[in-house]
Amino acid sequence: MPEYHSTFEDRVRDSITALRLVMPDVLMRERDRAHTKWYAYRFMSPLEATKLFADLYRTAFKRYVRTHRDAGDAEAANGLGTRIFGEPSSSLTEVWNARQRADELGLPYNLLMEFSFDFAGRRTRKRAPRPGQLFDSGEAEIAWPLELEKWIVDPLHVETQRLDMPQYRIENYRSFPVQMDFHDYILESIVERAGAWGPKLAHHCLSRHHLPVSKAIKVVPKGARRSAVRYLRSELELVTGNTSDAECLPDASIAPACFGLPFAAHEASPECLVCPLASLCSQAVRTVSEHMHSRYGVLSSLEQGRKENAKEKTKLRVRRHRDRRKNSLAVASPQPEMLPM
């Protein structure tokens, strides 16, 4: 399972790094993605999530090379530079944008890699897809989403069953929007999946501690509730007293993915108004902003640098244009006639 931060200072450091590495327009999308991404990533900072995405991409890239090219080449194949997070680059922006696209679709990154690399292999692509080529594009614009829709059902169910994060357990439930969304998702999955009601409820209520029984039992048809409760009671006797896995988390570990990002946070937005950590997020945003201004003089040194570079290029183009115009006028101007001596 993904790692999660235990202190707000960690999140602040990640926000500062993100501001240094990618443009503001990329970070502005993080708040929206925080509400659509797969549930395992909703407590990770964008930087953490992008690093995880890059690691999984490298693994899938090696596997593709091993399968479709040569096993000996696979060990040396990375697909991405080893220092991609060291400084701003087009490769990092491509990975960041690809991760955001996966978040927009709500896909677990490992399932995206598995499907997209297999999809590319079946289309006899000689080269492994780049991060930006993992989705529906070009000739695959129609086939990719249709194939994904057919393939994803069972693997996604397996991912849901495997999901076991302390942020979603009952002992850490604080009515955060993401936790309420997860409750709705689990309840829908219980209703949609075939099988006896008792075992389905036992998995999420007793094994994973995702749902209180009082809430889960409401989705069970009235005629099946008695047998479901009887099953839960028999299972409960087996786990009574086994609370060693309980882990109470600090607020920082349940902070949403957009926490502390100046370009993603906006106090007037509906999402921020209902967020229980809105005041702490505002403090983090101030800390991040003050750090960037004190060190670089601007909130986004990357954006400022690109603006200055664009200005210099514009000045150079204007200067070259004026020089060409001046030279052409000099050539076109008639030379004065020389009088005979």
Protein backbone atom coordinates (compact mmCIF):
# COMPACT_ATOMS: atom_id res chain seq x y z
CA MET A 1 0.00 0.00 0.00
CA PRO A 2 1.15 3.60 -0.61
CA GLU A 3 3.01 5.43 2.11
CA TYR A 4 1.40 8.43 3.80
CA HIS A 5 2.84 11.41 5.64
CA SER A 6 2.58 11.64 9.41
CA THR A 7 3.32 15.35 9.84
CA PHE A 8 2.16 18.54 8.14
CA GLU A 9 5.82 19.53 7.74
CA ASP A 10 6.23 16.62 5.33
CA ARG A 11 3.32 17.84 3.25
CA VAL A 12 4.72 21.38 3.23
CA ARG A 13 8.08 20.10 1.96
CA ASP A 14 6.34 18.18 -0.81
CA SER A 15 4.36 21.26 -1.82
CA ILE A 16 7.54 23.33 -2.01
CA THR A 17 9.21 20.68 -4.17
CA ALA A 18 6.15 20.47 -6.44
CA LEU A 19 6.21 24.25 -6.95
CA ARG A 20 9.86 23.99 -7.94
CA LEU A 21 9.34 21.16 -10.42
CA VAL A 22 6.11 21.82 -12.34
CA MET A 23 4.16 24.79 -13.65
CA PRO A 24 1.24 26.35 -11.76
CA ASP A 25 -1.30 25.34 -14.42
CA VAL A 26 -0.42 21.69 -13.74
CA LEU A 27 -0.80 22.09 -9.98
CA MET A 28 -4.12 23.91 -10.38
CA ARG A 29 -5.68 20.61 -11.47
CA GLU A 30 -4.70 18.79 -8.27
CA ARG A 31 -7.75 19.81 -6.24
CA ASP A 32 -10.14 18.35 -8.80
CA ARG A 33 -8.05 15.19 -9.11
CA ALA A 34 -8.09 14.80 -5.32
CA HIS A 35 -11.80 13.95 -5.58
CA THR A 36 -11.60 11.56 -8.53
CA LYS A 37 -8.38 9.56 -8.04
CA TRP A 38 -8.37 5.95 -6.85
CA TYR A 39 -9.03 5.72 -3.12
CA ALA A 40 -5.58 4.39 -2.26
CA TYR A 41 -3.99 7.67 -3.42
CA ARG A 42 -6.34 10.24 -1.92
CA PHE A 43 -4.12 10.91 1.09
CA MET A 44 -0.87 11.15 -0.87
CA SER A 45 0.67 14.43 -1.91
CA PRO A 46 0.84 14.96 -5.69
CA LEU A 47 4.61 14.50 -5.51
CA GLU A 48 4.26 11.16 -3.69
CA ALA A 49 1.64 9.97 -6.17
CA THR A 50 3.78 10.96 -9.16
CA LYS A 51 6.80 9.13 -7.73
CA LEU A 52 4.67 6.01 -7.24
CA PHE A 53 3.36 6.34 -10.80
CA ALA A 54 6.91 6.65 -12.14
CA ASP A 55 8.09 3.58 -10.19
CA LEU A 56 5.22 1.47 -11.50
CA TYR A 57 5.85 2.73 -15.03
CA ARG A 58 9.51 1.68 -14.83
CA THR A 59 8.51 -1.80 -13.67
CA ALA A 60 5.94 -2.15 -16.47
CA PHE A 61 8.44 -0.81 -19.02
CA LYS A 62 11.01 -3.46 -18.06
CA ARG A 63 8.37 -6.18 -18.28
CA TYR A 64 7.35 -4.99 -21.74
CA VAL A 65 10.94 -5.00 -22.99
CA ARG A 66 11.50 -8.45 -21.51
CA THR A 67 8.39 -9.81 -23.26
CA HIS A 68 8.52 -8.08 -26.63
CA ARG A 69 12.20 -7.45 -27.22
CA ASP A 70 14.97 -9.17 -25.31
CA ALA A 71 15.31 -10.35 -21.72
CA GLY A 72 18.88 -9.12 -21.61
CA ASP A 73 17.84 -5.59 -22.52
CA ALA A 74 15.21 -5.45 -19.78
CA GLU A 75 17.67 -4.97 -16.91
CA ALA A 76 19.14 -1.84 -18.46
CA ALA A 77 15.75 -0.48 -19.59
CA ASN A 78 14.18 2.14 -17.32
CA GLY A 79 11.86 4.10 -19.57
CA LEU A 80 12.50 7.17 -17.43
CA GLY A 81 15.64 8.90 -16.27
CA THR A 82 16.89 7.97 -12.83
CA ARG A 83 17.02 11.62 -11.78
CA ILE A 84 13.71 12.71 -13.21
CA PHE A 85 12.63 14.35 -9.94
CA GLY A 86 15.87 16.29 -9.53
CA GLU A 87 14.92 19.27 -11.69
CA PRO A 88 12.16 20.50 -14.03
CA SER A 89 12.02 18.69 -17.36
CA SER A 90 9.64 17.81 -20.16
CA SER A 91 9.82 14.14 -19.11
CA LEU A 92 8.72 14.97 -15.58
CA THR A 93 5.84 17.10 -16.88
CA GLU A 94 4.76 14.21 -19.12
CA VAL A 95 4.76 11.80 -16.16
CA TRP A 96 2.93 14.30 -13.96
CA ASN A 97 0.25 14.89 -16.60
CA ALA A 98 -0.13 11.14 -17.21
CA ARG A 99 -0.60 10.54 -13.49
CA GLN A 100 -3.25 13.26 -13.38
CA ARG A 101 -5.04 11.64 -16.32
CA ALA A 102 -5.09 8.33 -14.43
CA ASP A 103 -6.48 10.19 -11.42
CA GLU A 104 -9.15 11.79 -13.58
CA LEU A 105 -10.27 8.31 -14.67
CA GLY A 106 -10.06 6.96 -11.11
CA LEU A 107 -7.72 4.15 -12.14
CA PRO A 108 -5.26 2.33 -9.89
CA TYR A 109 -1.87 3.00 -11.43
CA ASN A 110 -0.84 -0.66 -11.48
CA LEU A 111 -3.99 -1.61 -13.40
CA LEU A 112 -3.44 1.21 -15.88
CA MET A 113 0.10 -0.03 -16.53
CA GLU A 114 -0.99 -3.64 -16.86
CA PHE A 115 -3.78 -2.88 -19.31
CA SER A 116 -2.04 -0.20 -21.39
CA PHE A 117 1.22 -2.08 -21.87
CA ASP A 118 -0.70 -5.25 -22.77
CA PHE A 119 -2.89 -3.20 -25.14
CA ALA A 120 0.24 -1.82 -26.82
CA GLY A 121 1.74 -5.31 -27.09
CA ARG A 122 -1.35 -6.71 -28.76
CA ARG A 123 -1.15 -3.93 -31.34
CA THR A 124 2.42 -5.10 -32.11
CA ARG A 125 4.04 -1.84 -31.13
CA LYS A 126 7.81 -2.18 -31.37
CA ARG A 127 8.41 0.47 -28.76
CA ALA A 128 6.91 0.55 -25.30
CA PRO A 129 4.43 3.40 -24.80
CA ARG A 130 5.63 6.58 -23.18
CA PRO A 131 3.72 7.78 -20.08
CA GLY A 132 1.69 10.12 -22.26
CA GLN A 133 0.84 7.26 -24.63
CA LEU A 134 -0.78 5.02 -22.00
CA PHE A 135 -4.26 6.33 -22.81
CA ASP A 136 -6.68 6.56 -25.71
CA SER A 137 -4.95 8.50 -28.44
CA GLY A 138 -4.37 8.34 -32.16
CA GLU A 139 -5.78 5.24 -33.82
CA ALA A 140 -6.70 3.74 -30.42
CA GLU A 141 -9.02 6.60 -29.47
CA ILE A 142 -12.12 4.40 -29.74
CA ALA A 143 -10.72 0.93 -29.05
CA TRP A 144 -8.79 1.81 -25.88
CA PRO A 145 -11.72 2.91 -23.64
CA LEU A 146 -13.96 0.11 -24.91
CA GLU A 147 -11.37 -2.55 -24.19
CA LEU A 148 -10.60 -1.00 -20.81
CA GLU A 149 -14.26 -0.99 -19.81
CA LYS A 150 -14.54 -4.71 -20.54
CA TRP A 151 -11.27 -5.64 -18.84
CA ILE A 152 -11.31 -3.49 -15.70
CA VAL A 153 -14.32 -4.96 -13.83
CA ASP A 154 -12.71 -7.99 -12.19
CA PRO A 155 -9.25 -6.49 -11.58
CA LEU A 156 -10.86 -3.44 -9.97
CA HIS A 157 -12.90 -5.68 -7.68
CA VAL A 158 -9.69 -7.42 -6.61
CA GLU A 159 -8.07 -4.03 -5.89
CA THR A 160 -11.09 -3.04 -3.80
CA GLN A 161 -10.87 -6.26 -1.79
CA ARG A 162 -7.15 -5.74 -1.22
CA LEU A 163 -7.48 -2.13 -0.15
CA ASP A 164 -6.57 -1.92 3.51
CA MET A 165 -5.59 1.55 4.70
CA PRO A 166 -5.87 2.88 8.25
CA GLN A 167 -7.31 6.17 6.93
CA TYR A 168 -10.51 4.31 6.03
CA ARG A 169 -10.87 2.26 9.21
CA ILE A 170 -13.58 2.98 11.73
CA GLU A 171 -11.16 4.15 14.44
CA ASN A 172 -10.01 6.97 12.13
CA TYR A 173 -13.39 7.92 10.68
CA ARG A 174 -14.01 11.66 11.15
CA SER A 175 -16.62 12.33 8.48
CA PHE A 176 -14.02 13.71 6.07
CA PRO A 177 -15.46 14.01 2.54
CA VAL A 178 -13.05 11.42 1.15
CA GLN A 179 -14.03 8.96 3.89
CA MET A 180 -17.73 9.47 3.17
CA ASP A 181 -17.07 8.96 -0.55
CA PHE A 182 -15.28 5.73 0.26
CA HIS A 183 -18.22 4.50 2.36
CA ASP A 184 -20.55 5.11 -0.58
CA TYR A 185 -18.18 3.30 -2.95
CA ILE A 186 -17.88 0.25 -0.68
CA LEU A 187 -21.64 0.07 -0.13
CA GLU A 188 -22.21 0.18 -3.90
CA SER A 189 -19.63 -2.57 -4.44
CA ILE A 190 -21.33 -4.75 -1.81
CA VAL A 191 -24.67 -4.38 -3.57
CA GLU A 192 -23.29 -4.93 -7.08
CA ARG A 193 -21.13 -7.98 -6.42
CA ALA A 194 -22.71 -11.42 -6.41
CA GLY A 195 -22.42 -13.59 -3.31
CA ALA A 196 -23.89 -14.15 0.12
CA TRP A 197 -24.53 -11.00 2.14
CA GLY A 198 -22.89 -12.25 5.33
CA PRO A 199 -19.37 -12.82 3.92
CA LYS A 200 -19.50 -9.58 1.93
CA LEU A 201 -20.34 -7.56 5.03
CA ALA A 202 -17.88 -9.47 7.18
CA HIS A 203 -15.00 -8.56 4.86
CA HIS A 204 -15.57 -4.82 5.06
CA CYS A 205 -17.02 -4.57 8.58
CA LEU A 206 -15.01 -7.12 10.56
CA SER A 207 -11.87 -7.85 8.53
CA ARG A 208 -11.10 -4.44 7.03
CA HIS A 209 -13.03 -2.31 9.59
CA HIS A 210 -14.18 -0.05 6.76
CA LEU A 211 -17.85 0.14 7.72
CA PRO A 212 -19.90 -0.04 10.92
CA VAL A 213 -22.34 -2.95 10.81
CA SER A 214 -25.24 -0.60 11.54
CA LYS A 215 -24.55 1.24 8.27
CA ALA A 216 -23.71 -1.77 6.10
CA ILE A 217 -26.76 -3.82 7.11
CA LYS A 218 -29.06 -1.21 5.56
CA VAL A 219 -28.08 -2.24 2.03
CA VAL A 220 -29.09 -5.85 2.70
CA PRO A 221 -32.67 -6.73 1.64
CA LYS A 222 -34.91 -7.11 4.69
CA GLY A 223 -35.52 -10.77 3.98
CA ALA A 224 -31.79 -11.53 4.11
CA ARG A 225 -30.82 -9.42 7.11
CA ARG A 226 -31.44 -12.06 9.77
CA SER A 227 -29.11 -14.60 8.16
CA ALA A 228 -26.50 -11.88 7.50
CA VAL A 229 -26.55 -10.78 11.16
CA ARG A 230 -26.31 -14.40 12.29
CA TYR A 231 -23.24 -14.87 10.08
CA LEU A 232 -21.65 -11.68 11.38
CA ARG A 233 -22.19 -12.74 15.00
CA SER A 234 -20.49 -16.07 14.38
CA GLU A 235 -17.56 -14.31 12.70
CA LEU A 236 -17.41 -11.70 15.44
CA GLU A 237 -16.86 -14.37 18.07
CA LEU A 238 -13.71 -15.40 16.23
CA VAL A 239 -12.22 -11.90 16.12
CA THR A 240 -13.37 -10.57 19.52
CA GLY A 241 -10.45 -9.08 21.40
CA ASN A 242 -8.23 -8.93 18.33
CA THR A 243 -7.68 -5.17 18.11
CA SER A 244 -3.91 -5.24 17.74
CA ASP A 245 -4.15 -3.86 14.21
CA ALA A 246 -5.94 -0.68 15.29
CA GLU A 247 -3.91 2.39 14.31
CA CYS A 248 -5.13 5.85 15.25
CA LEU A 249 -3.69 8.41 12.85
CA PRO A 250 -2.87 12.11 13.21
CA ASP A 251 -4.73 14.64 11.07
CA ALA A 252 -1.75 14.97 8.72
CA SER A 253 -2.18 11.38 7.59
CA ILE A 254 -5.79 12.05 6.57
CA ALA A 255 -5.10 15.33 4.78
CA PRO A 256 -6.44 15.38 1.19
CA ALA A 257 -4.12 15.19 -1.80
CA CYS A 258 -4.46 18.93 -2.55
CA PHE A 259 -3.37 19.95 0.97
CA GLY A 260 -0.92 22.86 1.13
CA LEU A 261 -0.73 23.65 -2.59
CA PRO A 262 -1.15 27.41 -3.19
CA PHE A 263 -2.39 26.91 -6.75
CA ALA A 264 -4.76 24.09 -5.80
CA ALA A 265 -6.25 25.63 -2.66
CA HIS A 266 -8.87 28.35 -2.79
CA GLU A 267 -10.68 29.23 0.42
CA ALA A 268 -13.86 30.21 -1.43
CA SER A 269 -14.22 26.89 -3.25
CA PRO A 270 -17.00 24.51 -2.12
CA GLU A 271 -14.48 21.72 -1.51
CA CYS A 272 -12.35 23.86 0.77
CA LEU A 273 -15.32 25.27 2.68
CA VAL A 274 -16.40 21.81 3.84
CA CYS A 275 -12.90 20.42 4.42
CA PRO A 276 -12.22 19.88 8.16
CA LEU A 277 -8.56 20.76 7.58
CA ALA A 278 -9.21 24.01 5.71
CA SER A 279 -7.63 26.23 8.38
CA LEU A 280 -4.54 24.03 8.65
CA CYS A 281 -4.30 23.95 4.86
CA SER A 282 -4.39 27.76 4.76
CA GLN A 283 -1.54 27.87 7.26
CA ALA A 284 0.44 25.42 5.14
CA VAL A 285 -0.23 27.49 2.01
CA ARG A 286 1.09 30.60 3.78
CA THR A 287 4.21 28.72 4.90
CA VAL A 288 4.85 27.42 1.37
CA SER A 289 4.24 30.84 -0.19
CA GLU A 290 6.52 32.63 2.28
CA HIS A 291 9.29 30.12 1.67
CA MET A 292 9.10 30.50 -2.11
CA HIS A 293 8.99 34.29 -1.95
CA SER A 294 11.86 34.53 0.52
CA ARG A 295 14.08 32.19 -1.51
CA TYR A 296 13.12 33.01 -5.10
CA GLY A 297 11.22 36.29 -4.84
CA VAL A 298 8.20 34.71 -6.55
CA LEU A 299 5.72 31.94 -5.82
CA SER A 300 6.77 29.89 -8.84
CA SER A 301 10.41 30.31 -9.82
CA LEU A 302 9.82 27.90 -12.72
CA GLU A 303 7.00 30.01 -14.15
CA GLN A 304 8.99 33.21 -13.63
CA GLY A 305 12.02 31.69 -15.32
CA ARG A 306 10.00 30.62 -18.33
CA LYS A 307 8.39 34.05 -18.60
CA GLU A 308 11.80 35.72 -18.54
CA ASN A 309 13.11 33.24 -21.08
CA ALA A 310 10.11 33.94 -23.33
CA LYS A 311 10.74 37.69 -23.03
CA GLU A 312 14.39 37.24 -23.99
CA LYS A 313 13.42 35.12 -26.99
CA THR A 314 10.89 37.78 -28.04
CA LYS A 315 13.50 40.52 -27.73
CA LEU A 316 15.93 38.43 -29.80
CA ARG A 317 13.32 37.86 -32.51
CA VAL A 318 12.50 41.58 -32.61
CA ARG A 319 16.19 42.47 -32.78
CA ARG A 320 16.78 40.00 -35.62
CA HIS A 321 13.71 41.27 -37.46
CA ARG A 322 14.91 44.87 -37.17
CA ASP A 323 18.39 43.91 -38.34
CA ARG A 324 16.98 42.09 -41.38
CA ARG A 325 14.71 45.02 -42.17
CA LYS A 326 17.58 47.46 -41.82
CA ASN A 327 19.79 45.37 -44.09
CA SER A 328 17.06 44.98 -46.71
CA LEU A 329 16.42 48.74 -46.74
CA ALA A 330 20.13 49.41 -47.14
CA VAL A 331 20.30 47.08 -50.15
CA ALA A 332 17.17 48.53 -51.72
CA SER A 333 18.21 52.20 -51.30
CA PRO A 334 19.73 53.66 -54.55
CA GLN A 335 23.37 54.57 -54.28
CA PRO A 336 24.18 58.27 -55.07
CA GLU A 337 25.72 58.78 -58.52
CA MET A 338 29.40 59.67 -58.60
CA LEU A 339 30.14 62.87 -60.55
CA PRO A 340 33.00 62.69 -63.04
CA MET A 341 36.21 64.33 -61.90
